[in-house]
Amino acid sequence: MPTFETLPRFTTDLQHLTPAQRRRFHGVVLDAFVPDLRTGRQFRPGLRAKRVQRSTGIHEITWSMGAGPAERATWQYGPTRRPNTPRVIWRRMGTRDILTGP
């Protein structure tokens, strides 16, 4: 199981989401993000995982491409605390606006 950490901005972003948005995020993490991290292979296409342009070591996932704006979260890999176990540091959460300060 990967280990996680959150930056204060992520925690603030998360508190500003609606309950439905938080449920979608938790579902994406539990049903897709974590299983893909465990395999060590590429993330599934539905997560639209990629490196954030003009940044070093920051990545994003995007989901909920329905009627409203796409929801996304940015993260970076941190130093592992357990051998062979990825560590994810969640940075920001929200819509495309978060990419101005990922």
Protein backbone atom coordinates (compact mmCIF):
# COMPACT_ATOMS: atom_id res chain seq x y z
CA MET A 1 0.00 0.00 0.00
CA PRO A 2 1.49 3.39 -0.95
CA THR A 3 1.98 5.94 1.80
CA PHE A 4 0.56 9.44 1.56
CA GLU A 5 1.15 12.91 2.91
CA THR A 6 -0.79 16.12 2.25
CA LEU A 7 0.46 19.67 2.03
CA PRO A 8 -1.55 22.35 3.88
CA ARG A 9 -2.84 23.80 0.57
CA PHE A 10 -4.24 20.41 -0.40
CA THR A 11 -6.06 20.11 2.91
CA THR A 12 -7.55 23.59 2.40
CA ASP A 13 -8.54 22.76 -1.19
CA LEU A 14 -10.18 19.53 -0.04
CA GLN A 15 -12.24 21.36 2.60
CA HIS A 16 -13.65 23.67 -0.11
CA LEU A 17 -15.00 20.79 -2.20
CA THR A 18 -18.57 19.63 -2.02
CA PRO A 19 -19.25 16.26 -0.38
CA ALA A 20 -19.91 14.78 -3.84
CA GLN A 21 -16.56 16.06 -5.14
CA ARG A 22 -14.75 14.60 -2.12
CA ARG A 23 -16.46 11.23 -2.67
CA ARG A 24 -15.40 11.24 -6.33
CA PHE A 25 -11.80 12.01 -5.36
CA HIS A 26 -11.69 9.26 -2.74
CA GLY A 27 -13.24 6.82 -5.22
CA VAL A 28 -10.68 7.69 -7.91
CA VAL A 29 -7.82 7.27 -5.45
CA LEU A 30 -9.06 3.96 -4.01
CA ASP A 31 -10.37 2.39 -7.22
CA ALA A 32 -7.77 3.54 -9.76
CA PHE A 33 -4.80 5.56 -8.45
CA VAL A 34 -3.69 3.22 -5.65
CA PRO A 35 -4.14 0.00 -7.68
CA ASP A 36 -2.10 1.52 -10.53
CA LEU A 37 0.65 2.58 -8.12
CA ARG A 38 0.77 -0.95 -6.73
CA THR A 39 1.37 -2.47 -10.14
CA GLY A 40 4.23 -0.11 -10.92
CA ARG A 41 3.00 0.21 -14.50
CA GLN A 42 1.61 3.26 -16.24
CA PHE A 43 -1.56 4.83 -14.89
CA ARG A 44 -4.75 3.85 -16.70
CA PRO A 45 -5.81 6.30 -19.44
CA GLY A 46 -8.98 7.32 -17.55
CA LEU A 47 -6.86 9.07 -14.89
CA ARG A 48 -5.19 11.25 -17.49
CA ALA A 49 -2.05 11.21 -15.33
CA LYS A 50 0.80 13.35 -16.59
CA ARG A 51 3.59 15.64 -15.51
CA VAL A 52 2.59 19.29 -14.96
CA GLN A 53 4.26 21.43 -17.61
CA ARG A 54 6.89 23.95 -16.50
CA SER A 55 7.37 22.16 -13.18
CA THR A 56 9.84 19.70 -11.83
CA GLY A 57 8.57 16.45 -10.37
CA ILE A 58 4.91 17.50 -10.08
CA HIS A 59 2.21 15.32 -11.63
CA GLU A 60 -1.56 15.60 -12.03
CA ILE A 61 -4.52 13.30 -12.42
CA THR A 62 -7.78 14.44 -13.96
CA TRP A 63 -11.23 12.88 -13.76
CA SER A 64 -14.95 13.77 -13.95
CA MET A 65 -15.05 14.93 -17.51
CA GLY A 66 -18.86 15.24 -17.34
CA ALA A 67 -20.95 18.39 -17.54
CA GLY A 68 -18.87 20.56 -15.20
CA PRO A 69 -15.19 21.43 -15.20
CA ALA A 70 -12.76 18.56 -14.85
CA GLU A 71 -11.55 17.87 -11.34
CA ARG A 72 -7.86 17.29 -10.78
CA ALA A 73 -5.25 16.80 -8.11
CA THR A 74 -1.52 17.41 -8.21
CA TRP A 75 1.08 15.33 -6.42
CA GLN A 76 4.75 14.53 -6.29
CA TYR A 77 6.65 11.46 -5.26
CA GLY A 78 8.37 11.77 -1.89
CA PRO A 79 11.13 9.81 -0.21
CA THR A 80 9.95 6.32 0.62
CA ARG A 81 9.45 5.36 4.23
CA ARG A 82 9.16 1.64 3.49
CA PRO A 83 11.26 -0.26 0.95
CA ASN A 84 9.61 -0.67 -2.47
CA THR A 85 6.59 1.38 -1.37
CA PRO A 86 5.80 4.59 -3.25
CA ARG A 87 5.21 7.74 -1.23
CA VAL A 88 2.79 10.33 -2.64
CA ILE A 89 2.64 13.91 -1.45
CA TRP A 90 -0.68 15.49 -2.43
CA ARG A 91 -0.18 19.17 -3.32
CA ARG A 92 -3.40 20.72 -4.71
CA MET A 93 -6.98 19.73 -5.54
CA GLY A 94 -9.67 21.42 -7.61
CA THR A 95 -10.15 22.59 -11.20
CA ARG A 96 -7.65 23.83 -13.79
CA ASP A 97 -7.03 26.94 -11.65
CA ILE A 98 -4.79 24.94 -9.33
CA LEU A 99 -2.20 24.60 -12.08
CA THR A 100 -1.12 28.22 -11.60
CA GLY A 101 0.45 27.11 -8.31
CA PRO A 102 0.59 23.31 -8.46
